[in-house]
Amino acid sequence: MIYVTGDTHIPIDVQKLSTKLFSEQKSMTKNDYVIICGDFGGVWDGGKEEKYWLKWLKNKNFTTLFIDGNHENFPMLMSFPTVDFAGGRAHRVDDGIYHLMRGEVYTLEGKTFFTMGGGESHDKAARTEGKNWWREEMPDSAEYMRAEENLKKCNFSVDYIITHSAPEDIQRKIAPDYKVCELCKFLQGIERKVAYKHWYFGHYHMDMACDDKHTAVFNERILI
């Protein structure tokens, strides 16, 4: 089983993965996955509360996979060991907890997933660089290039696309007040050139089927 859900902002919105709210996990194993569409928040300051929630996830029946959003401590996140995981590169945060890196393609249960984390914080003016905001929230040129190269290797065809931000056209439709950033424009290019079954993204704190191929996810856990 593979489920997709939205931002967890640990500890604020992680209860959506509690047994009470997500009872399906009772029949899951570590060979099953929950994918979080960015703003994981579980790698932030290394404090006691953070360690508690990482242990809480580690002890779940399922394996937790997450892409980065815009609200992450990127230097700390990048300090975890890079490992080979499901055909792509990932940061191993702990047993059963992996960060799916930008521009990678993974194969899970015979399905292929292209992942592209990152996003622009619309509240960054109220944040402090190096404390609760980092420039690495946006991909750099090497990450964009790796994404293109990995998509080319799979003939620009995957089963699912998992991102934090939405492609430009979708963002304009569902969140017109958000600035159209470089990443949204890049994702619009991916939209034009990649064949896929469905695209899931977080960031906008809503659960919405935007059309028959794009779904914004926040509190829901969607089985795919």
N, C-alpha and C. Protein backbone atom coordinates (compact mmCIF):
# COMPACT_ATOMS: atom_id res chain seq x y z
N MET A 1 0.84 -1.19 0.00
CA MET A 1 0.00 0.00 0.00
C MET A 1 0.87 1.24 0.00
N ILE A 2 0.45 2.23 -0.75
CA ILE A 2 1.12 3.52 -0.78
C ILE A 2 0.07 4.61 -0.58
N TYR A 3 0.27 5.42 0.46
CA TYR A 3 -0.62 6.55 0.73
C TYR A 3 0.14 7.85 0.52
N VAL A 4 -0.57 8.87 0.09
CA VAL A 4 -0.01 10.22 -0.04
C VAL A 4 -0.78 11.15 0.87
N THR A 5 -0.06 12.01 1.58
CA THR A 5 -0.71 13.00 2.42
C THR A 5 0.02 14.33 2.31
N GLY A 6 -0.52 15.35 2.99
CA GLY A 6 0.06 16.68 2.87
C GLY A 6 1.02 17.03 4.00
N ASP A 7 1.31 18.30 4.11
CA ASP A 7 2.30 18.83 5.04
C ASP A 7 2.00 18.37 6.48
N THR A 8 3.06 17.97 7.19
CA THR A 8 2.89 17.56 8.58
C THR A 8 3.35 18.64 9.56
N HIS A 9 4.25 19.53 9.13
CA HIS A 9 4.70 20.64 10.00
C HIS A 9 4.92 20.15 11.43
N ILE A 10 5.63 19.05 11.57
CA ILE A 10 5.81 18.47 12.91
C ILE A 10 6.20 19.54 13.92
N PRO A 11 5.44 19.63 15.03
CA PRO A 11 4.41 18.72 15.53
C PRO A 11 2.97 19.15 15.20
N ILE A 12 2.78 20.19 14.41
CA ILE A 12 1.47 20.84 14.29
C ILE A 12 0.42 19.97 13.61
N ASP A 13 0.78 19.37 12.48
CA ASP A 13 -0.22 18.64 11.68
C ASP A 13 0.09 17.17 11.50
N VAL A 14 0.93 16.62 12.36
CA VAL A 14 1.33 15.21 12.20
C VAL A 14 0.28 14.24 12.73
N GLN A 15 -0.67 14.74 13.53
CA GLN A 15 -1.67 13.83 14.11
C GLN A 15 -2.55 13.17 13.05
N LYS A 16 -2.54 13.69 11.83
CA LYS A 16 -3.28 13.04 10.75
C LYS A 16 -2.78 11.60 10.52
N LEU A 17 -1.58 11.31 11.02
CA LEU A 17 -1.01 9.97 10.88
C LEU A 17 -1.16 9.13 12.14
N SER A 18 -1.97 9.62 13.09
CA SER A 18 -2.23 8.83 14.30
C SER A 18 -3.11 7.64 13.96
N THR A 19 -3.05 6.63 14.79
CA THR A 19 -3.87 5.44 14.57
C THR A 19 -5.35 5.78 14.61
N LYS A 20 -5.71 6.74 15.45
CA LYS A 20 -7.11 7.13 15.58
C LYS A 20 -7.65 7.72 14.27
N LEU A 21 -6.88 8.58 13.63
CA LEU A 21 -7.34 9.24 12.42
C LEU A 21 -6.99 8.46 11.15
N PHE A 22 -6.02 7.60 11.26
CA PHE A 22 -5.53 6.85 10.10
C PHE A 22 -5.49 5.37 10.48
N SER A 23 -6.67 4.81 10.65
CA SER A 23 -6.77 3.43 11.17
C SER A 23 -6.28 2.39 10.18
N GLU A 24 -6.19 2.77 8.91
CA GLU A 24 -5.72 1.82 7.88
C GLU A 24 -4.32 1.30 8.18
N GLN A 25 -3.56 2.05 8.95
CA GLN A 25 -2.17 1.65 9.22
C GLN A 25 -2.08 0.36 10.03
N LYS A 26 -3.18 -0.01 10.67
CA LYS A 26 -3.16 -1.23 11.48
C LYS A 26 -2.85 -2.46 10.64
N SER A 27 -3.20 -2.40 9.36
CA SER A 27 -2.94 -3.55 8.48
C SER A 27 -1.72 -3.33 7.59
N MET A 28 -0.94 -2.29 7.88
CA MET A 28 0.24 -2.00 7.07
C MET A 28 1.50 -2.60 7.68
N THR A 29 2.55 -2.65 6.88
CA THR A 29 3.86 -3.13 7.35
C THR A 29 4.92 -2.14 6.87
N LYS A 30 6.15 -2.37 7.24
CA LYS A 30 7.24 -1.50 6.81
C LYS A 30 7.47 -1.59 5.29
N ASN A 31 6.83 -2.54 4.65
CA ASN A 31 6.89 -2.61 3.19
C ASN A 31 5.82 -1.75 2.53
N ASP A 32 5.03 -1.06 3.35
CA ASP A 32 4.04 -0.10 2.87
C ASP A 32 4.55 1.31 3.16
N TYR A 33 4.01 2.29 2.42
CA TYR A 33 4.60 3.63 2.48
C TYR A 33 3.54 4.72 2.67
N VAL A 34 3.93 5.75 3.41
CA VAL A 34 3.18 7.01 3.46
C VAL A 34 4.12 8.09 2.94
N ILE A 35 3.70 8.80 1.89
CA ILE A 35 4.51 9.85 1.29
C ILE A 35 3.93 11.20 1.72
N ILE A 36 4.77 12.04 2.32
CA ILE A 36 4.37 13.38 2.77
C ILE A 36 4.85 14.40 1.73
N CYS A 37 3.93 15.24 1.26
CA CYS A 37 4.22 16.16 0.15
C CYS A 37 4.86 17.47 0.63
N GLY A 38 5.92 17.37 1.42
CA GLY A 38 6.68 18.55 1.82
C GLY A 38 6.25 19.17 3.13
N ASP A 39 7.06 20.13 3.61
CA ASP A 39 6.89 20.73 4.93
C ASP A 39 6.73 19.65 5.98
N PHE A 40 7.68 18.72 5.97
CA PHE A 40 7.73 17.63 6.95
C PHE A 40 7.92 18.20 8.35
N GLY A 41 8.91 19.03 8.53
CA GLY A 41 9.12 19.70 9.81
C GLY A 41 9.75 18.86 10.90
N GLY A 42 10.08 17.62 10.58
CA GLY A 42 10.66 16.73 11.59
C GLY A 42 12.17 16.82 11.69
N VAL A 43 12.77 17.64 10.85
CA VAL A 43 14.21 17.90 10.92
C VAL A 43 14.33 19.42 11.02
N TRP A 44 14.38 19.90 12.27
CA TRP A 44 14.27 21.35 12.46
C TRP A 44 15.31 21.90 13.43
N ASP A 45 15.31 21.36 14.67
CA ASP A 45 16.25 21.89 15.66
C ASP A 45 16.93 20.82 16.50
N GLY A 46 16.58 19.56 16.27
CA GLY A 46 17.20 18.46 17.01
C GLY A 46 16.78 18.38 18.47
N GLY A 47 15.70 19.08 18.83
CA GLY A 47 15.26 19.12 20.22
C GLY A 47 14.50 17.89 20.67
N LYS A 48 14.10 17.88 21.94
CA LYS A 48 13.42 16.73 22.52
C LYS A 48 12.10 16.42 21.83
N GLU A 49 11.34 17.48 21.54
CA GLU A 49 10.03 17.26 20.91
C GLU A 49 10.20 16.65 19.54
N GLU A 50 11.17 17.15 18.79
CA GLU A 50 11.45 16.60 17.46
C GLU A 50 11.84 15.13 17.55
N LYS A 51 12.71 14.80 18.48
CA LYS A 51 13.15 13.41 18.66
C LYS A 51 11.97 12.51 19.03
N TYR A 52 11.06 13.05 19.83
CA TYR A 52 9.86 12.28 20.20
C TYR A 52 9.06 11.90 18.96
N TRP A 53 8.83 12.89 18.08
CA TRP A 53 7.98 12.63 16.91
C TRP A 53 8.70 11.75 15.88
N LEU A 54 9.99 11.86 15.76
CA LEU A 54 10.72 10.97 14.86
C LEU A 54 10.66 9.53 15.36
N LYS A 55 10.76 9.35 16.67
CA LYS A 55 10.63 8.01 17.24
C LYS A 55 9.22 7.49 17.05
N TRP A 56 8.23 8.38 17.18
CA TRP A 56 6.82 8.03 16.98
C TRP A 56 6.62 7.50 15.56
N LEU A 57 7.18 8.18 14.57
CA LEU A 57 7.08 7.72 13.19
C LEU A 57 7.87 6.44 12.96
N LYS A 58 9.05 6.38 13.55
CA LYS A 58 9.90 5.18 13.41
C LYS A 58 9.16 3.93 13.88
N ASN A 59 8.34 4.08 14.91
CA ASN A 59 7.63 2.93 15.48
C ASN A 59 6.33 2.60 14.77
N LYS A 60 5.98 3.37 13.75
CA LYS A 60 4.78 3.08 12.97
C LYS A 60 4.97 1.81 12.14
N ASN A 61 3.85 1.19 11.77
CA ASN A 61 3.93 0.00 10.94
C ASN A 61 4.49 0.30 9.56
N PHE A 62 4.23 1.51 9.05
CA PHE A 62 4.62 1.85 7.69
C PHE A 62 5.99 2.53 7.64
N THR A 63 6.52 2.67 6.44
CA THR A 63 7.73 3.45 6.19
C THR A 63 7.32 4.86 5.77
N THR A 64 7.92 5.87 6.40
CA THR A 64 7.60 7.26 6.11
C THR A 64 8.57 7.82 5.07
N LEU A 65 8.02 8.36 4.01
CA LEU A 65 8.80 9.01 2.96
C LEU A 65 8.32 10.45 2.86
N PHE A 66 9.23 11.39 2.70
CA PHE A 66 8.79 12.78 2.56
C PHE A 66 9.69 13.52 1.58
N ILE A 67 9.08 14.46 0.87
CA ILE A 67 9.87 15.40 0.11
C ILE A 67 9.98 16.67 0.95
N ASP A 68 10.93 17.52 0.63
CA ASP A 68 11.06 18.76 1.37
C ASP A 68 10.09 19.79 0.82
N GLY A 69 9.68 20.68 1.71
CA GLY A 69 8.85 21.81 1.31
C GLY A 69 9.68 23.07 1.32
N ASN A 70 9.09 24.15 1.74
CA ASN A 70 9.84 25.39 1.92
C ASN A 70 10.19 25.62 3.39
N HIS A 71 9.41 25.05 4.29
CA HIS A 71 9.69 25.20 5.72
C HIS A 71 10.41 23.96 6.24
N GLU A 72 11.71 23.91 5.98
CA GLU A 72 12.58 22.84 6.48
C GLU A 72 13.91 23.48 6.88
N ASN A 73 14.63 22.82 7.79
CA ASN A 73 15.99 23.23 8.11
C ASN A 73 16.90 22.49 7.12
N PHE A 74 17.21 23.13 6.03
CA PHE A 74 17.91 22.45 4.94
C PHE A 74 19.33 22.03 5.27
N PRO A 75 20.14 22.86 5.94
CA PRO A 75 21.48 22.38 6.30
C PRO A 75 21.43 21.12 7.16
N MET A 76 20.51 21.06 8.11
CA MET A 76 20.38 19.87 8.95
C MET A 76 19.89 18.68 8.14
N LEU A 77 18.92 18.93 7.26
CA LEU A 77 18.38 17.86 6.43
C LEU A 77 19.46 17.26 5.54
N MET A 78 20.29 18.12 4.95
CA MET A 78 21.32 17.64 4.04
C MET A 78 22.48 16.96 4.76
N SER A 79 22.51 17.04 6.09
CA SER A 79 23.59 16.41 6.85
C SER A 79 23.37 14.91 7.05
N PHE A 80 22.17 14.43 6.78
CA PHE A 80 21.91 13.00 6.92
C PHE A 80 22.55 12.23 5.77
N PRO A 81 22.93 10.98 6.00
CA PRO A 81 23.61 10.21 4.95
C PRO A 81 22.74 10.01 3.71
N THR A 82 23.35 10.15 2.54
CA THR A 82 22.66 9.88 1.28
C THR A 82 22.81 8.40 0.96
N VAL A 83 21.69 7.75 0.70
CA VAL A 83 21.69 6.31 0.43
C VAL A 83 20.94 6.03 -0.86
N ASP A 84 21.18 4.86 -1.42
CA ASP A 84 20.39 4.39 -2.56
C ASP A 84 19.08 3.84 -2.02
N PHE A 85 17.98 4.31 -2.58
CA PHE A 85 16.67 3.88 -2.10
C PHE A 85 15.72 3.78 -3.27
N ALA A 86 15.20 2.61 -3.50
CA ALA A 86 14.15 2.38 -4.52
C ALA A 86 14.53 2.95 -5.89
N GLY A 87 15.80 2.86 -6.24
CA GLY A 87 16.24 3.31 -7.55
C GLY A 87 16.67 4.76 -7.64
N GLY A 88 16.60 5.49 -6.53
CA GLY A 88 17.02 6.89 -6.51
C GLY A 88 17.85 7.18 -5.28
N ARG A 89 18.21 8.42 -5.11
CA ARG A 89 18.97 8.84 -3.92
C ARG A 89 18.00 9.38 -2.87
N ALA A 90 18.32 9.13 -1.62
CA ALA A 90 17.49 9.61 -0.51
C ALA A 90 18.36 9.88 0.70
N HIS A 91 17.88 10.74 1.58
CA HIS A 91 18.53 10.93 2.88
C HIS A 91 17.85 10.00 3.88
N ARG A 92 18.66 9.20 4.55
CA ARG A 92 18.13 8.32 5.59
C ARG A 92 18.13 9.08 6.91
N VAL A 93 16.95 9.45 7.37
CA VAL A 93 16.81 10.19 8.62
C VAL A 93 16.85 9.25 9.81
N ASP A 94 16.23 8.08 9.65
CA ASP A 94 16.22 7.04 10.69
C ASP A 94 15.67 5.78 10.03
N ASP A 95 15.62 4.70 10.78
CA ASP A 95 15.02 3.48 10.25
C ASP A 95 13.58 3.76 9.86
N GLY A 96 13.25 3.51 8.62
CA GLY A 96 11.88 3.70 8.17
C GLY A 96 11.47 5.13 7.93
N ILE A 97 12.44 6.07 7.88
CA ILE A 97 12.14 7.48 7.59
C ILE A 97 13.16 7.99 6.57
N TYR A 98 12.68 8.33 5.37
CA TYR A 98 13.57 8.74 4.29
C TYR A 98 13.09 10.04 3.65
N HIS A 99 14.06 10.90 3.35
CA HIS A 99 13.79 12.11 2.59
C HIS A 99 14.03 11.82 1.12
N LEU A 100 12.99 11.91 0.30
CA LEU A 100 13.09 11.72 -1.13
C LEU A 100 13.60 13.01 -1.76
N MET A 101 14.73 12.94 -2.40
CA MET A 101 15.44 14.14 -2.84
C MET A 101 14.87 14.71 -4.13
N ARG A 102 15.26 15.95 -4.41
CA ARG A 102 14.76 16.66 -5.58
C ARG A 102 15.29 16.06 -6.87
N GLY A 103 14.38 15.91 -7.82
CA GLY A 103 14.77 15.47 -9.15
C GLY A 103 15.04 13.99 -9.29
N GLU A 104 14.60 13.19 -8.33
CA GLU A 104 14.84 11.75 -8.37
C GLU A 104 13.62 11.00 -8.89
N VAL A 105 13.86 9.80 -9.36
CA VAL A 105 12.78 8.89 -9.78
C VAL A 105 12.93 7.61 -8.98
N TYR A 106 11.88 7.20 -8.31
CA TYR A 106 11.88 6.01 -7.47
C TYR A 106 10.87 5.00 -8.00
N THR A 107 11.11 3.73 -7.69
CA THR A 107 10.15 2.68 -8.03
C THR A 107 9.68 2.03 -6.74
N LEU A 108 8.40 2.16 -6.46
CA LEU A 108 7.79 1.59 -5.27
C LEU A 108 6.63 0.71 -5.70
N GLU A 109 6.67 -0.53 -5.31
CA GLU A 109 5.61 -1.49 -5.65
C GLU A 109 5.31 -1.48 -7.15
N GLY A 110 6.37 -1.38 -7.94
CA GLY A 110 6.23 -1.43 -9.39
C GLY A 110 5.74 -0.15 -10.03
N LYS A 111 5.58 0.92 -9.23
CA LYS A 111 5.13 2.21 -9.75
C LYS A 111 6.28 3.21 -9.66
N THR A 112 6.39 4.08 -10.65
CA THR A 112 7.47 5.05 -10.68
C THR A 112 6.98 6.42 -10.19
N PHE A 113 7.84 7.08 -9.41
CA PHE A 113 7.51 8.36 -8.79
C PHE A 113 8.63 9.36 -9.07
N PHE A 114 8.28 10.48 -9.65
CA PHE A 114 9.23 11.59 -9.80
C PHE A 114 8.96 12.58 -8.68
N THR A 115 10.00 12.98 -7.97
CA THR A 115 9.83 13.88 -6.82
C THR A 115 10.60 15.18 -7.03
N MET A 116 9.98 16.27 -6.64
CA MET A 116 10.64 17.59 -6.73
C MET A 116 10.15 18.45 -5.58
N GLY A 117 10.92 18.46 -4.50
CA GLY A 117 10.57 19.26 -3.35
C GLY A 117 10.92 20.73 -3.56
N GLY A 118 10.70 21.50 -2.52
CA GLY A 118 11.02 22.92 -2.56
C GLY A 118 9.81 23.79 -2.81
N GLY A 119 9.97 25.06 -2.52
CA GLY A 119 8.91 26.04 -2.72
C GLY A 119 9.35 27.37 -2.16
N GLU A 120 8.63 28.41 -2.53
CA GLU A 120 8.95 29.75 -2.04
C GLU A 120 8.01 30.12 -0.90
N SER A 121 8.58 30.52 0.23
CA SER A 121 7.78 30.90 1.39
C SER A 121 7.12 32.26 1.17
N HIS A 122 5.80 32.28 1.25
CA HIS A 122 5.11 33.56 1.10
C HIS A 122 5.16 34.38 2.38
N ASP A 123 5.68 33.75 3.46
CA ASP A 123 5.79 34.46 4.73
C ASP A 123 7.25 34.74 5.12
N LYS A 124 8.16 34.67 4.15
CA LYS A 124 9.58 34.77 4.50
C LYS A 124 9.97 36.14 5.06
N ALA A 125 9.20 37.17 4.78
CA ALA A 125 9.49 38.50 5.31
C ALA A 125 9.39 38.52 6.84
N ALA A 126 8.61 37.59 7.37
CA ALA A 126 8.42 37.52 8.82
C ALA A 126 9.35 36.49 9.47
N ARG A 127 10.25 35.92 8.68
CA ARG A 127 11.15 34.88 9.18
C ARG A 127 12.58 35.39 9.21
N THR A 128 13.44 34.66 9.91
CA THR A 128 14.84 35.03 10.07
C THR A 128 15.73 34.00 9.39
N GLU A 129 16.57 34.47 8.47
CA GLU A 129 17.44 33.55 7.73
C GLU A 129 18.39 32.84 8.69
N GLY A 130 18.49 31.52 8.50
CA GLY A 130 19.36 30.72 9.34
C GLY A 130 18.72 30.26 10.64
N LYS A 131 17.53 30.78 10.93
CA LYS A 131 16.81 30.37 12.13
C LYS A 131 15.53 29.64 11.79
N ASN A 132 14.70 30.22 10.95
CA ASN A 132 13.46 29.55 10.53
C ASN A 132 13.17 29.77 9.04
N TRP A 133 14.20 30.17 8.30
CA TRP A 133 14.10 30.28 6.85
C TRP A 133 15.48 30.11 6.24
N TRP A 134 15.53 29.36 5.12
CA TRP A 134 16.79 29.10 4.45
C TRP A 134 16.62 29.27 2.95
N ARG A 135 17.64 29.84 2.31
CA ARG A 135 17.60 30.08 0.87
C ARG A 135 17.46 28.78 0.07
N GLU A 136 17.90 27.70 0.66
CA GLU A 136 17.82 26.41 -0.04
C GLU A 136 16.41 25.90 -0.22
N GLU A 137 15.42 26.67 0.24
CA GLU A 137 14.03 26.26 0.00
C GLU A 137 13.73 26.15 -1.49
N MET A 138 14.46 26.90 -2.30
CA MET A 138 14.30 26.82 -3.75
C MET A 138 15.41 25.98 -4.37
N PRO A 139 15.08 25.14 -5.35
CA PRO A 139 16.10 24.32 -6.00
C PRO A 139 17.17 25.18 -6.66
N ASP A 140 18.37 24.61 -6.77
CA ASP A 140 19.43 25.30 -7.50
C ASP A 140 19.55 24.70 -8.90
N SER A 141 20.44 25.24 -9.70
CA SER A 141 20.55 24.82 -11.10
C SER A 141 20.93 23.35 -11.23
N ALA A 142 21.76 22.85 -10.32
CA ALA A 142 22.16 21.44 -10.37
C ALA A 142 20.97 20.52 -10.12
N GLU A 143 20.07 20.93 -9.23
CA GLU A 143 18.90 20.11 -8.94
C GLU A 143 17.92 20.11 -10.11
N TYR A 144 17.76 21.25 -10.75
CA TYR A 144 16.91 21.29 -11.95
C TYR A 144 17.51 20.41 -13.05
N MET A 145 18.83 20.46 -13.18
CA MET A 145 19.49 19.68 -14.21
C MET A 145 19.37 18.18 -13.94
N ARG A 146 19.51 17.80 -12.67
CA ARG A 146 19.38 16.38 -12.33
C ARG A 146 17.97 15.89 -12.60
N ALA A 147 16.98 16.72 -12.32
CA ALA A 147 15.60 16.35 -12.60
C ALA A 147 15.41 16.07 -14.09
N GLU A 148 15.92 16.95 -14.92
CA GLU A 148 15.81 16.76 -16.37
C GLU A 148 16.51 15.49 -16.81
N GLU A 149 17.70 15.25 -16.28
CA GLU A 149 18.48 14.07 -16.67
C GLU A 149 17.77 12.78 -16.26
N ASN A 150 17.22 12.75 -15.05
CA ASN A 150 16.55 11.54 -14.59
C ASN A 150 15.25 11.29 -15.33
N LEU A 151 14.54 12.35 -15.69
CA LEU A 151 13.33 12.17 -16.48
C LEU A 151 13.65 11.69 -17.89
N LYS A 152 14.76 12.17 -18.42
CA LYS A 152 15.18 11.72 -19.75
C LYS A 152 15.49 10.23 -19.73
N LYS A 153 16.12 9.76 -18.64
CA LYS A 153 16.46 8.33 -18.52
C LYS A 153 15.22 7.44 -18.54
N CYS A 154 14.09 7.96 -18.07
CA CYS A 154 12.86 7.15 -18.07
C CYS A 154 11.93 7.60 -19.19
N ASN A 155 12.52 8.21 -20.23
CA ASN A 155 11.77 8.62 -21.42
C ASN A 155 10.61 9.56 -21.10
N PHE A 156 10.82 10.42 -20.11
CA PHE A 156 9.83 11.42 -19.72
C PHE A 156 8.45 10.80 -19.48
N SER A 157 8.48 9.66 -18.80
CA SER A 157 7.23 8.97 -18.48
C SER A 157 7.35 8.33 -17.09
N VAL A 158 6.44 8.71 -16.18
CA VAL A 158 6.39 8.13 -14.84
C VAL A 158 4.93 7.89 -14.48
N ASP A 159 4.71 7.14 -13.42
CA ASP A 159 3.33 6.92 -12.98
C ASP A 159 2.80 8.11 -12.18
N TYR A 160 3.64 8.61 -11.26
CA TYR A 160 3.17 9.68 -10.38
C TYR A 160 4.23 10.78 -10.23
N ILE A 161 3.76 11.99 -10.05
CA ILE A 161 4.62 13.12 -9.74
C ILE A 161 4.24 13.62 -8.35
N ILE A 162 5.25 13.77 -7.49
CA ILE A 162 5.04 14.23 -6.12
C ILE A 162 5.85 15.51 -5.93
N THR A 163 5.18 16.61 -5.65
CA THR A 163 5.87 17.88 -5.42
C THR A 163 5.26 18.58 -4.21
N HIS A 164 5.93 19.64 -3.80
CA HIS A 164 5.36 20.50 -2.75
C HIS A 164 4.56 21.63 -3.42
N SER A 165 5.22 22.34 -4.31
CA SER A 165 4.56 23.40 -5.07
C SER A 165 3.80 22.80 -6.25
N ALA A 166 2.87 23.56 -6.78
CA ALA A 166 2.10 23.14 -7.95
C ALA A 166 2.69 23.80 -9.20
N PRO A 167 2.44 23.21 -10.37
CA PRO A 167 2.83 23.90 -11.61
C PRO A 167 2.06 25.22 -11.74
N GLU A 168 2.61 26.12 -12.52
CA GLU A 168 2.12 27.49 -12.59
C GLU A 168 0.61 27.59 -12.84
N ASP A 169 0.12 26.88 -13.85
CA ASP A 169 -1.30 27.00 -14.19
C ASP A 169 -2.21 26.57 -13.05
N ILE A 170 -1.82 25.50 -12.34
CA ILE A 170 -2.64 25.02 -11.23
C ILE A 170 -2.59 26.00 -10.07
N GLN A 171 -1.40 26.52 -9.77
CA GLN A 171 -1.31 27.48 -8.68
C GLN A 171 -2.16 28.73 -8.95
N ARG A 172 -2.12 29.21 -10.18
CA ARG A 172 -2.93 30.39 -10.53
C ARG A 172 -4.42 30.10 -10.32
N LYS A 173 -4.79 28.86 -10.51
CA LYS A 173 -6.20 28.46 -10.39
C LYS A 173 -6.63 28.35 -8.93
N ILE A 174 -5.80 27.75 -8.09
CA ILE A 174 -6.24 27.45 -6.72
C ILE A 174 -5.71 28.43 -5.68
N ALA A 175 -4.62 29.14 -5.99
CA ALA A 175 -4.02 30.07 -5.03
C ALA A 175 -3.50 31.29 -5.76
N PRO A 176 -4.39 32.10 -6.33
CA PRO A 176 -3.96 33.23 -7.16
C PRO A 176 -3.17 34.29 -6.41
N ASP A 177 -3.23 34.29 -5.09
CA ASP A 177 -2.47 35.28 -4.32
C ASP A 177 -1.01 34.88 -4.13
N TYR A 178 -0.69 33.63 -4.45
CA TYR A 178 0.70 33.18 -4.30
C TYR A 178 1.54 33.67 -5.49
N LYS A 179 2.76 34.07 -5.19
CA LYS A 179 3.69 34.49 -6.23
C LYS A 179 4.08 33.30 -7.10
N VAL A 180 4.11 33.51 -8.42
CA VAL A 180 4.56 32.46 -9.32
C VAL A 180 6.09 32.48 -9.33
N CYS A 181 6.69 31.49 -8.72
CA CYS A 181 8.14 31.45 -8.56
C CYS A 181 8.78 30.64 -9.69
N GLU A 182 10.09 30.63 -9.69
CA GLU A 182 10.85 29.90 -10.70
C GLU A 182 10.51 28.42 -10.69
N LEU A 183 10.30 27.85 -9.50
CA LEU A 183 9.98 26.43 -9.40
C LEU A 183 8.64 26.13 -10.05
N CYS A 184 7.63 26.97 -9.81
CA CYS A 184 6.32 26.75 -10.43
C CYS A 184 6.43 26.76 -11.96
N LYS A 185 7.27 27.64 -12.47
CA LYS A 185 7.47 27.72 -13.92
C LYS A 185 8.18 26.47 -14.42
N PHE A 186 9.15 25.99 -13.66
CA PHE A 186 9.84 24.75 -14.02
C PHE A 186 8.87 23.58 -14.05
N LEU A 187 8.01 23.52 -13.03
CA LEU A 187 7.03 22.43 -12.96
C LEU A 187 6.02 22.52 -14.10
N GLN A 188 5.74 23.73 -14.57
CA GLN A 188 4.86 23.87 -15.72
C GLN A 188 5.51 23.26 -16.96
N GLY A 189 6.83 23.39 -17.05
CA GLY A 189 7.56 22.74 -18.14
C GLY A 189 7.50 21.24 -18.03
N ILE A 190 7.58 20.72 -16.80
CA ILE A 190 7.45 19.28 -16.58
C ILE A 190 6.06 18.82 -17.00
N GLU A 191 5.07 19.63 -16.69
CA GLU A 191 3.69 19.32 -17.08
C GLU A 191 3.57 19.10 -18.59
N ARG A 192 4.28 19.92 -19.34
CA ARG A 192 4.17 19.85 -20.80
C ARG A 192 4.90 18.65 -21.40
N LYS A 193 5.99 18.24 -20.76
CA LYS A 193 6.84 17.25 -21.43
C LYS A 193 6.79 15.84 -20.84
N VAL A 194 6.18 15.66 -19.66
CA VAL A 194 6.20 14.36 -19.00
C VAL A 194 4.82 13.71 -19.06
N ALA A 195 4.80 12.44 -19.43
CA ALA A 195 3.56 11.65 -19.39
C ALA A 195 3.45 11.03 -18.00
N TYR A 196 2.29 11.16 -17.36
CA TYR A 196 2.10 10.64 -16.01
C TYR A 196 0.63 10.35 -15.78
N LYS A 197 0.36 9.58 -14.73
CA LYS A 197 -1.02 9.24 -14.39
C LYS A 197 -1.65 10.28 -13.47
N HIS A 198 -0.89 10.69 -12.45
CA HIS A 198 -1.46 11.67 -11.51
C HIS A 198 -0.36 12.43 -10.81
N TRP A 199 -0.69 13.66 -10.40
CA TRP A 199 0.24 14.58 -9.76
C TRP A 199 -0.36 14.99 -8.41
N TYR A 200 0.41 14.76 -7.33
CA TYR A 200 0.00 15.15 -5.99
C TYR A 200 0.95 16.21 -5.45
N PHE A 201 0.42 17.21 -4.75
CA PHE A 201 1.27 18.25 -4.16
C PHE A 201 0.65 18.75 -2.87
N GLY A 202 1.48 19.38 -2.02
CA GLY A 202 1.03 19.93 -0.75
C GLY A 202 1.01 21.44 -0.79
N HIS A 203 1.62 22.08 0.20
CA HIS A 203 1.93 23.51 0.23
C HIS A 203 0.75 24.45 0.49
N TYR A 204 -0.41 24.18 -0.11
CA TYR A 204 -1.51 25.15 -0.09
C TYR A 204 -2.54 24.90 1.02
N HIS A 205 -2.30 23.88 1.83
CA HIS A 205 -3.14 23.58 2.99
C HIS A 205 -4.60 23.40 2.59
N MET A 206 -4.80 22.59 1.57
CA MET A 206 -6.16 22.28 1.13
C MET A 206 -6.19 20.87 0.55
N ASP A 207 -7.35 20.26 0.65
CA ASP A 207 -7.61 18.98 -0.01
C ASP A 207 -8.54 19.26 -1.17
N MET A 208 -8.02 19.13 -2.39
CA MET A 208 -8.82 19.51 -3.55
C MET A 208 -8.38 18.73 -4.79
N ALA A 209 -9.35 18.15 -5.46
CA ALA A 209 -9.10 17.59 -6.80
C ALA A 209 -9.20 18.75 -7.77
N CYS A 210 -8.07 19.25 -8.21
CA CYS A 210 -8.05 20.43 -9.08
C CYS A 210 -8.62 20.12 -10.45
N ASP A 211 -8.34 18.93 -10.95
CA ASP A 211 -8.90 18.40 -12.19
C ASP A 211 -8.67 16.90 -12.14
N ASP A 212 -8.76 16.21 -13.26
CA ASP A 212 -8.66 14.76 -13.22
C ASP A 212 -7.22 14.25 -13.09
N LYS A 213 -6.21 15.17 -13.07
CA LYS A 213 -4.82 14.72 -12.99
C LYS A 213 -4.01 15.39 -11.89
N HIS A 214 -4.59 16.39 -11.20
CA HIS A 214 -3.86 17.13 -10.18
C HIS A 214 -4.66 17.17 -8.88
N THR A 215 -4.01 16.80 -7.77
CA THR A 215 -4.68 16.81 -6.48
C THR A 215 -3.82 17.52 -5.44
N ALA A 216 -4.40 18.55 -4.82
CA ALA A 216 -3.78 19.19 -3.67
C ALA A 216 -4.18 18.39 -2.43
N VAL A 217 -3.21 18.06 -1.59
CA VAL A 217 -3.50 17.23 -0.43
C VAL A 217 -2.94 17.89 0.82
N PHE A 218 -3.73 17.78 1.90
CA PHE A 218 -3.30 18.32 3.18
C PHE A 218 -3.62 17.33 4.30
N ASN A 219 -4.88 17.24 4.67
CA ASN A 219 -5.25 16.33 5.78
C ASN A 219 -5.59 14.92 5.32
N GLU A 220 -6.04 14.78 4.10
CA GLU A 220 -6.43 13.46 3.62
C GLU A 220 -5.23 12.54 3.45
N ARG A 221 -5.50 11.25 3.56
CA ARG A 221 -4.50 10.23 3.22
C ARG A 221 -5.06 9.47 2.04
N ILE A 222 -4.45 9.61 0.90
CA ILE A 222 -5.00 9.05 -0.34
C ILE A 222 -4.24 7.79 -0.73
N LEU A 223 -4.96 6.71 -0.89
CA LEU A 223 -4.36 5.46 -1.33
C LEU A 223 -4.18 5.49 -2.84
N ILE A 224 -2.98 5.22 -3.30
CA ILE A 224 -2.74 5.22 -4.75
C ILE A 224 -2.24 3.87 -5.23
